[in-house]
Amino acid sequence: MTESLQNAFALAAQLPDPDQDAFAAWLVAELESDGRWDALFNKSQNLLSDLARDALAEHHRNETEDWKTN
Protein backbone atom coordinates (compact mmCIF):
# COMPACT_ATOMS: atom_id res chain seq x y z
CA MET A 1 0.00 0.00 0.00
CA THR A 2 1.35 3.43 -0.85
CA GLU A 3 2.03 6.07 1.77
CA SER A 4 -0.64 8.32 0.29
CA LEU A 5 -3.27 5.62 0.58
CA GLN A 6 -2.17 4.81 4.12
CA ASN A 7 -2.55 8.50 5.03
CA ALA A 8 -6.00 8.64 3.48
CA PHE A 9 -7.12 5.56 5.41
CA ALA A 10 -5.62 6.92 8.62
CA LEU A 11 -7.71 10.07 8.20
CA ALA A 12 -10.80 8.04 7.38
CA ALA A 13 -10.22 5.92 10.48
CA GLN A 14 -10.68 9.05 12.60
CA LEU A 15 -14.22 9.58 11.30
CA PRO A 16 -17.24 8.40 13.28
CA ASP A 17 -18.28 4.83 12.46
CA PRO A 18 -21.28 5.79 10.28
CA ASP A 19 -19.06 8.11 8.23
CA GLN A 20 -16.44 5.38 7.87
CA ASP A 21 -19.12 3.01 6.58
CA ALA A 22 -20.38 5.65 4.14
CA PHE A 23 -16.84 6.32 2.93
CA ALA A 24 -16.17 2.60 2.51
CA ALA A 25 -19.40 2.13 0.53
CA TRP A 26 -18.53 5.09 -1.70
CA LEU A 27 -14.99 3.83 -2.31
CA VAL A 28 -16.13 0.32 -3.17
CA ALA A 29 -18.79 1.69 -5.56
CA GLU A 30 -16.20 3.91 -7.27
CA LEU A 31 -13.74 1.06 -7.71
CA GLU A 32 -16.44 -1.25 -9.08
CA SER A 33 -17.64 1.48 -11.42
CA ASP A 34 -14.11 2.02 -12.75
CA GLY A 35 -13.83 -1.70 -13.40
CA ARG A 36 -17.11 -1.74 -15.33
CA TRP A 37 -16.07 1.27 -17.44
CA ASP A 38 -12.71 -0.32 -18.22
CA ALA A 39 -14.40 -3.55 -19.31
CA LEU A 40 -16.91 -1.69 -21.50
CA PHE A 41 -14.22 0.45 -23.08
CA ASN A 42 -12.06 -2.58 -23.84
CA LYS A 43 -15.02 -4.33 -25.47
CA SER A 44 -15.83 -1.25 -27.56
CA GLN A 45 -12.40 -1.10 -29.21
CA ASN A 46 -13.25 -3.84 -31.71
CA LEU A 47 -16.56 -2.18 -32.51
CA LEU A 48 -14.90 1.21 -33.01
CA SER A 49 -12.27 -0.33 -35.27
CA ASP A 50 -14.99 -2.04 -37.33
CA LEU A 51 -16.94 1.21 -37.67
CA ALA A 52 -13.82 3.10 -38.75
CA ARG A 53 -12.95 0.42 -41.32
CA ASP A 54 -16.52 0.54 -42.69
CA ALA A 55 -16.43 4.33 -42.91
CA LEU A 56 -13.13 4.29 -44.79
CA ALA A 57 -14.43 1.65 -47.19
CA GLU A 58 -17.51 3.79 -47.91
CA HIS A 59 -15.27 6.79 -48.49
CA HIS A 60 -13.07 4.86 -50.94
CA ARG A 61 -16.22 3.78 -52.82
CA ASN A 62 -17.24 7.48 -53.02
CA GLU A 63 -20.33 6.78 -50.95
CA THR A 64 -19.70 9.64 -48.55
CA GLU A 65 -20.26 13.36 -48.72
CA ASP A 66 -18.06 16.17 -47.43
CA TRP A 67 -19.34 17.63 -44.21
CA LYS A 68 -19.30 21.39 -44.31
CA THR A 69 -20.07 23.97 -41.67
CA ASN A 70 -21.80 27.22 -42.46
PDB file of N, CA and C in Angstrom:
ATOM      1  N   MET A   1       0.857  -1.174   0.000  1.00  0.00           N
ATOM      2  CA  MET A   1       0.000   0.000   0.000  1.00  0.00           C
ATOM      3  C   MET A   1       0.903   1.237   0.000  1.00  0.00           C
ATOM      4  N   THR A   2       0.546   2.221  -0.783  1.00  0.00           N
ATOM      5  CA  THR A   2       1.354   3.434  -0.847  1.00  0.00           C
ATOM      6  C   THR A   2       1.163   4.274   0.411  1.00  0.00           C
ATOM      7  N   GLU A   3       2.118   5.170   0.613  1.00  0.00           N
ATOM      8  CA  GLU A   3       2.034   6.065   1.770  1.00  0.00           C
ATOM      9  C   GLU A   3       0.815   6.978   1.663  1.00  0.00           C
ATOM     10  N   SER A   4       0.523   7.444   0.481  1.00  0.00           N
ATOM     11  CA  SER A   4      -0.637   8.320   0.287  1.00  0.00           C
ATOM     12  C   SER A   4      -1.931   7.619   0.670  1.00  0.00           C
ATOM     13  N   LEU A   5      -2.057   6.366   0.244  1.00  0.00           N
ATOM     14  CA  LEU A   5      -3.272   5.618   0.579  1.00  0.00           C
ATOM     15  C   LEU A   5      -3.332   5.335   2.077  1.00  0.00           C
ATOM     16  N   GLN A   6      -2.199   5.027   2.674  1.00  0.00           N
ATOM     17  CA  GLN A   6      -2.167   4.811   4.122  1.00  0.00           C
ATOM     18  C   GLN A   6      -2.615   6.071   4.861  1.00  0.00           C
ATOM     19  N   ASN A   7      -2.149   7.234   4.401  1.00  0.00           N
ATOM     20  CA  ASN A   7      -2.549   8.499   5.029  1.00  0.00           C
ATOM     21  C   ASN A   7      -4.042   8.738   4.881  1.00  0.00           C
ATOM     22  N   ALA A   8      -4.568   8.447   3.713  1.00  0.00           N
ATOM     23  CA  ALA A   8      -6.003   8.636   3.479  1.00  0.00           C
ATOM     24  C   ALA A   8      -6.814   7.734   4.404  1.00  0.00           C
ATOM     25  N   PHE A   9      -6.398   6.476   4.530  1.00  0.00           N
ATOM     26  CA  PHE A   9      -7.123   5.558   5.406  1.00  0.00           C
ATOM     27  C   PHE A   9      -6.960   5.939   6.873  1.00  0.00           C
ATOM     28  N   ALA A  10      -5.809   6.472   7.240  1.00  0.00           N
ATOM     29  CA  ALA A  10      -5.619   6.922   8.619  1.00  0.00           C
ATOM     30  C   ALA A  10      -6.573   8.063   8.944  1.00  0.00           C
ATOM     31  N   LEU A  11      -6.751   8.976   8.000  1.00  0.00           N
ATOM     32  CA  LEU A  11      -7.711  10.068   8.202  1.00  0.00           C
ATOM     33  C   LEU A  11      -9.136   9.537   8.263  1.00  0.00           C
ATOM     34  N   ALA A  12      -9.451   8.619   7.383  1.00  0.00           N
ATOM     35  CA  ALA A  12     -10.799   8.045   7.378  1.00  0.00           C
ATOM     36  C   ALA A  12     -11.069   7.289   8.672  1.00  0.00           C
ATOM     37  N   ALA A  13     -10.048   6.683   9.240  1.00  0.00           N
ATOM     38  CA  ALA A  13     -10.219   5.922  10.481  1.00  0.00           C
ATOM     39  C   ALA A  13     -10.589   6.817  11.660  1.00  0.00           C
ATOM     40  N   GLN A  14     -10.344   8.111  11.531  1.00  0.00           N
ATOM     41  CA  GLN A  14     -10.683   9.054  12.600  1.00  0.00           C
ATOM     42  C   GLN A  14     -12.140   9.510  12.533  1.00  0.00           C
ATOM     43  N   LEU A  15     -12.819   9.189  11.449  1.00  0.00           N
ATOM     44  CA  LEU A  15     -14.223   9.577  11.295  1.00  0.00           C
ATOM     45  C   LEU A  15     -15.102   8.724  12.211  1.00  0.00           C
ATOM     46  N   PRO A  16     -16.292   9.240  12.533  1.00  0.00           N
ATOM     47  CA  PRO A  16     -17.242   8.402  13.279  1.00  0.00           C
ATOM     48  C   PRO A  16     -17.602   7.158  12.453  1.00  0.00           C
ATOM     49  N   ASP A  17     -17.989   6.096  13.140  1.00  0.00           N
ATOM     50  CA  ASP A  17     -18.280   4.829  12.463  1.00  0.00           C
ATOM     51  C   ASP A  17     -19.247   4.963  11.293  1.00  0.00           C
ATOM     52  N   PRO A  18     -20.366   5.684  11.435  1.00  0.00           N
ATOM     53  CA  PRO A  18     -21.282   5.790  10.283  1.00  0.00           C
ATOM     54  C   PRO A  18     -20.618   6.465   9.074  1.00  0.00           C
ATOM     55  N   ASP A  19     -19.767   7.444   9.328  1.00  0.00           N
ATOM     56  CA  ASP A  19     -19.065   8.113   8.227  1.00  0.00           C
ATOM     57  C   ASP A  19     -18.030   7.186   7.593  1.00  0.00           C
ATOM     58  N   GLN A  20     -17.376   6.359   8.415  1.00  0.00           N
ATOM     59  CA  GLN A  20     -16.443   5.380   7.870  1.00  0.00           C
ATOM     60  C   GLN A  20     -17.169   4.395   6.961  1.00  0.00           C
ATOM     61  N   ASP A  21     -18.343   3.939   7.409  1.00  0.00           N
ATOM     62  CA  ASP A  21     -19.125   3.012   6.585  1.00  0.00           C
ATOM     63  C   ASP A  21     -19.557   3.668   5.278  1.00  0.00           C
ATOM     64  N   ALA A  22     -19.967   4.937   5.350  1.00  0.00           N
ATOM     65  CA  ALA A  22     -20.384   5.650   4.143  1.00  0.00           C
ATOM     66  C   ALA A  22     -19.197   5.822   3.194  1.00  0.00           C
ATOM     67  N   PHE A  23     -18.045   6.165   3.754  1.00  0.00           N
ATOM     68  CA  PHE A  23     -16.838   6.318   2.931  1.00  0.00           C
ATOM     69  C   PHE A  23     -16.462   4.995   2.279  1.00  0.00           C
ATOM     70  N   ALA A  24     -16.509   3.924   3.043  1.00  0.00           N
ATOM     71  CA  ALA A  24     -16.169   2.601   2.509  1.00  0.00           C
ATOM     72  C   ALA A  24     -17.122   2.215   1.380  1.00  0.00           C
ATOM     73  N   ALA A  25     -18.409   2.458   1.563  1.00  0.00           N
ATOM     74  CA  ALA A  25     -19.396   2.129   0.531  1.00  0.00           C
ATOM     75  C   ALA A  25     -19.133   2.943  -0.736  1.00  0.00           C
ATOM     76  N   TRP A  26     -18.820   4.229  -0.550  1.00  0.00           N
ATOM     77  CA  TRP A  26     -18.531   5.087  -1.703  1.00  0.00           C
ATOM     78  C   TRP A  26     -17.288   4.596  -2.440  1.00  0.00           C
ATOM     79  N   LEU A  27     -16.235   4.271  -1.688  1.00  0.00           N
ATOM     80  CA  LEU A  27     -14.985   3.833  -2.308  1.00  0.00           C
ATOM     81  C   LEU A  27     -15.175   2.528  -3.080  1.00  0.00           C
ATOM     82  N   VAL A  28     -15.874   1.586  -2.491  1.00  0.00           N
ATOM     83  CA  VAL A  28     -16.134   0.316  -3.173  1.00  0.00           C
ATOM     84  C   VAL A  28     -16.939   0.555  -4.452  1.00  0.00           C
ATOM     85  N   ALA A  29     -17.965   1.399  -4.374  1.00  0.00           N
ATOM     86  CA  ALA A  29     -18.789   1.690  -5.557  1.00  0.00           C
ATOM     87  C   ALA A  29     -17.949   2.341  -6.654  1.00  0.00           C
ATOM     88  N   GLU A  30     -17.066   3.254  -6.287  1.00  0.00           N
ATOM     89  CA  GLU A  30     -16.201   3.912  -7.272  1.00  0.00           C
ATOM     90  C   GLU A  30     -15.262   2.906  -7.945  1.00  0.00           C
ATOM     91  N   LEU A  31     -14.658   2.049  -7.148  1.00  0.00           N
ATOM     92  CA  LEU A  31     -13.736   1.061  -7.713  1.00  0.00           C
ATOM     93  C   LEU A  31     -14.460   0.076  -8.626  1.00  0.00           C
ATOM     94  N   GLU A  32     -15.653  -0.340  -8.228  1.00  0.00           N
ATOM     95  CA  GLU A  32     -16.436  -1.245  -9.077  1.00  0.00           C
ATOM     96  C   GLU A  32     -16.859  -0.550 -10.359  1.00  0.00           C
ATOM     97  N   SER A  33     -17.237   0.717 -10.249  1.00  0.00           N
ATOM     98  CA  SER A  33     -17.640   1.481 -11.424  1.00  0.00           C
ATOM     99  C   SER A  33     -16.477   1.626 -12.398  1.00  0.00           C
ATOM    100  N   ASP A  34     -15.290   1.922 -11.885  1.00  0.00           N
ATOM    101  CA  ASP A  34     -14.111   2.024 -12.750  1.00  0.00           C
ATOM    102  C   ASP A  34     -13.858   0.714 -13.481  1.00  0.00           C
ATOM    103  N   GLY A  35     -14.030  -0.389 -12.776  1.00  0.00           N
ATOM    104  CA  GLY A  35     -13.832  -1.696 -13.401  1.00  0.00           C
ATOM    105  C   GLY A  35     -14.828  -1.949 -14.514  1.00  0.00           C
ATOM    106  N   ARG A  36     -16.078  -1.550 -14.282  1.00  0.00           N
ATOM    107  CA  ARG A  36     -17.106  -1.737 -15.327  1.00  0.00           C
ATOM    108  C   ARG A  36     -16.792  -0.874 -16.540  1.00  0.00           C
ATOM    109  N   TRP A  37     -16.391   0.384 -16.319  1.00  0.00           N
ATOM    110  CA  TRP A  37     -16.066   1.267 -17.437  1.00  0.00           C
ATOM    111  C   TRP A  37     -14.879   0.728 -18.227  1.00  0.00           C
ATOM    112  N   ASP A  38     -13.863   0.238 -17.523  1.00  0.00           N
ATOM    113  CA  ASP A  38     -12.705  -0.324 -18.218  1.00  0.00           C
ATOM    114  C   ASP A  38     -13.118  -1.502 -19.094  1.00  0.00           C
ATOM    115  N   ALA A  39     -13.962  -2.372 -18.553  1.00  0.00           N
ATOM    116  CA  ALA A  39     -14.404  -3.548 -19.314  1.00  0.00           C
ATOM    117  C   ALA A  39     -15.207  -3.118 -20.536  1.00  0.00           C
ATOM    118  N   LEU A  40     -16.114  -2.163 -20.364  1.00  0.00           N
ATOM    119  CA  LEU A  40     -16.915  -1.692 -21.498  1.00  0.00           C
ATOM    120  C   LEU A  40     -16.047  -1.025 -22.556  1.00  0.00           C
ATOM    121  N   PHE A  41     -15.100  -0.227 -22.122  1.00  0.00           N
ATOM    122  CA  PHE A  41     -14.223   0.453 -23.076  1.00  0.00           C
ATOM    123  C   PHE A  41     -13.397  -0.564 -23.851  1.00  0.00           C
ATOM    124  N   ASN A  42     -12.856  -1.554 -23.156  1.00  0.00           N
ATOM    125  CA  ASN A  42     -12.062  -2.576 -23.841  1.00  0.00           C
ATOM    126  C   ASN A  42     -12.895  -3.340 -24.863  1.00  0.00           C
ATOM    127  N   LYS A  43     -14.150  -3.630 -24.531  1.00  0.00           N
ATOM    128  CA  LYS A  43     -15.022  -4.331 -25.472  1.00  0.00           C
ATOM    129  C   LYS A  43     -15.352  -3.462 -26.677  1.00  0.00           C
ATOM    130  N   SER A  44     -15.422  -2.144 -26.475  1.00  0.00           N
ATOM    131  CA  SER A  44     -15.830  -1.251 -27.560  1.00  0.00           C
ATOM    132  C   SER A  44     -14.734  -1.036 -28.586  1.00  0.00           C
ATOM    133  N   GLN A  45     -13.492  -1.354 -28.270  1.00  0.00           N
ATOM    134  CA  GLN A  45     -12.399  -1.100 -29.205  1.00  0.00           C
ATOM    135  C   GLN A  45     -12.591  -1.844 -30.525  1.00  0.00           C
ATOM    136  N   ASN A  46     -13.005  -3.088 -30.475  1.00  0.00           N
ATOM    137  CA  ASN A  46     -13.247  -3.836 -31.714  1.00  0.00           C
ATOM    138  C   ASN A  46     -14.379  -3.210 -32.507  1.00  0.00           C
ATOM    139  N   LEU A  47     -15.432  -2.807 -31.827  1.00  0.00           N
ATOM    140  CA  LEU A  47     -16.555  -2.180 -32.510  1.00  0.00           C
ATOM    141  C   LEU A  47     -16.123  -0.872 -33.167  1.00  0.00           C
ATOM    142  N   LEU A  48     -15.369  -0.049 -32.439  1.00  0.00           N
ATOM    143  CA  LEU A  48     -14.904   1.211 -33.009  1.00  0.00           C
ATOM    144  C   LEU A  48     -13.996   0.982 -34.211  1.00  0.00           C
ATOM    145  N   SER A  49     -13.145  -0.005 -34.135  1.00  0.00           N
ATOM    146  CA  SER A  49     -12.275  -0.335 -35.273  1.00  0.00           C
ATOM    147  C   SER A  49     -13.100  -0.775 -36.472  1.00  0.00           C
ATOM    148  N   ASP A  50     -14.118  -1.591 -36.244  1.00  0.00           N
ATOM    149  CA  ASP A  50     -14.991  -2.043 -37.333  1.00  0.00           C
ATOM    150  C   ASP A  50     -15.719  -0.867 -37.966  1.00  0.00           C
ATOM    151  N   LEU A  51     -16.228   0.050 -37.138  1.00  0.00           N
ATOM    152  CA  LEU A  51     -16.938   1.215 -37.667  1.00  0.00           C
ATOM    153  C   LEU A  51     -15.999   2.101 -38.488  1.00  0.00           C
ATOM    154  N   ALA A  52     -14.785   2.291 -38.011  1.00  0.00           N
ATOM    155  CA  ALA A  52     -13.817   3.104 -38.747  1.00  0.00           C
ATOM    156  C   ALA A  52     -13.467   2.452 -40.078  1.00  0.00           C
ATOM    157  N   ARG A  53     -13.262   1.144 -40.084  1.00  0.00           N
ATOM    158  CA  ARG A  53     -12.948   0.421 -41.320  1.00  0.00           C
ATOM    159  C   ARG A  53     -14.100   0.543 -42.315  1.00  0.00           C
ATOM    160  N   ASP A  54     -15.352   0.407 -41.818  1.00  0.00           N
ATOM    161  CA  ASP A  54     -16.519   0.537 -42.690  1.00  0.00           C
ATOM    162  C   ASP A  54     -16.622   1.948 -43.272  1.00  0.00           C
ATOM    163  N   ALA A  55     -16.351   2.946 -42.446  1.00  0.00           N
ATOM    164  CA  ALA A  55     -16.432   4.335 -42.909  1.00  0.00           C
ATOM    165  C   ALA A  55     -15.376   4.600 -43.987  1.00  0.00           C
ATOM    166  N   LEU A  56     -14.172   4.107 -43.785  1.00  0.00           N
ATOM    167  CA  LEU A  56     -13.128   4.293 -44.793  1.00  0.00           C
ATOM    168  C   LEU A  56     -13.470   3.569 -46.091  1.00  0.00           C
ATOM    169  N   ALA A  57     -14.041   2.396 -45.989  1.00  0.00           N
ATOM    170  CA  ALA A  57     -14.429   1.653 -47.191  1.00  0.00           C
ATOM    171  C   ALA A  57     -15.509   2.418 -47.956  1.00  0.00           C
ATOM    172  N   GLU A  58     -16.478   2.981 -47.249  1.00  0.00           N
ATOM    173  CA  GLU A  58     -17.515   3.790 -47.907  1.00  0.00           C
ATOM    174  C   GLU A  58     -16.886   5.002 -48.587  1.00  0.00           C
ATOM    175  N   HIS A  59     -15.935   5.617 -47.922  1.00  0.00           N
ATOM    176  CA  HIS A  59     -15.268   6.787 -48.494  1.00  0.00           C
ATOM    177  C   HIS A  59     -14.520   6.412 -49.775  1.00  0.00           C
ATOM    178  N   HIS A  60     -13.819   5.295 -49.758  1.00  0.00           N
ATOM    179  CA  HIS A  60     -13.073   4.864 -50.938  1.00  0.00           C
ATOM    180  C   HIS A  60     -14.002   4.473 -52.096  1.00  0.00           C
ATOM    181  N   ARG A  61     -15.235   4.094 -51.773  1.00  0.00           N
ATOM    182  CA  ARG A  61     -16.220   3.784 -52.822  1.00  0.00           C
ATOM    183  C   ARG A  61     -17.007   5.036 -53.227  1.00  0.00           C
ATOM    184  N   ASN A  62     -16.575   6.202 -52.738  1.00  0.00           N
ATOM    185  CA  ASN A  62     -17.244   7.479 -53.015  1.00  0.00           C
ATOM    186  C   ASN A  62     -18.709   7.467 -52.584  1.00  0.00           C
ATOM    187  N   GLU A  63     -18.984   6.823 -51.479  1.00  0.00           N
ATOM    188  CA  GLU A  63     -20.333   6.777 -50.947  1.00  0.00           C
ATOM    189  C   GLU A  63     -20.537   7.746 -49.780  1.00  0.00           C
ATOM    190  N   THR A  64     -19.598   8.661 -49.626  1.00  0.00           N
ATOM    191  CA  THR A  64     -19.705   9.641 -48.546  1.00  0.00           C
ATOM    192  C   THR A  64     -19.764  11.037 -49.136  1.00  0.00           C
ATOM    193  N   GLU A  65     -20.201  11.973 -48.318  1.00  0.00           N
ATOM    194  CA  GLU A  65     -20.256  13.363 -48.722  1.00  0.00           C
ATOM    195  C   GLU A  65     -19.391  14.184 -47.771  1.00  0.00           C
ATOM    196  N   ASP A  66     -18.817  15.260 -48.290  1.00  0.00           N
ATOM    197  CA  ASP A  66     -18.062  16.168 -47.428  1.00  0.00           C
ATOM    198  C   ASP A  66     -19.021  16.818 -46.439  1.00  0.00           C
ATOM    199  N   TRP A  67     -18.548  16.951 -45.231  1.00  0.00           N
ATOM    200  CA  TRP A  67     -19.336  17.628 -44.207  1.00  0.00           C
ATOM    201  C   TRP A  67     -18.818  19.039 -44.109  1.00  0.00           C
ATOM    202  N   LYS A  68     -19.724  19.996 -44.305  1.00  0.00           N
ATOM    203  CA  LYS A  68     -19.304  21.392 -44.306  1.00  0.00           C
ATOM    204  C   LYS A  68     -20.095  22.158 -43.261  1.00  0.00           C
ATOM    205  N   THR A  69     -19.393  23.095 -42.629  1.00  0.00           N
ATOM    206  CA  THR A  69     -20.067  23.969 -41.668  1.00  0.00           C
ATOM    207  C   THR A  69     -20.409  25.259 -42.371  1.00  0.00           C
ATOM    208  N   ASN A  70     -21.413  25.934 -41.854  1.00  0.00           N
ATOM    209  CA  ASN A  70     -21.801  27.222 -42.457  1.00  0.00           C
ATOM    210  C   ASN A  70     -21.089  28.349 -41.788  1.00  0.00           C
TER     211      ASN A  70
END
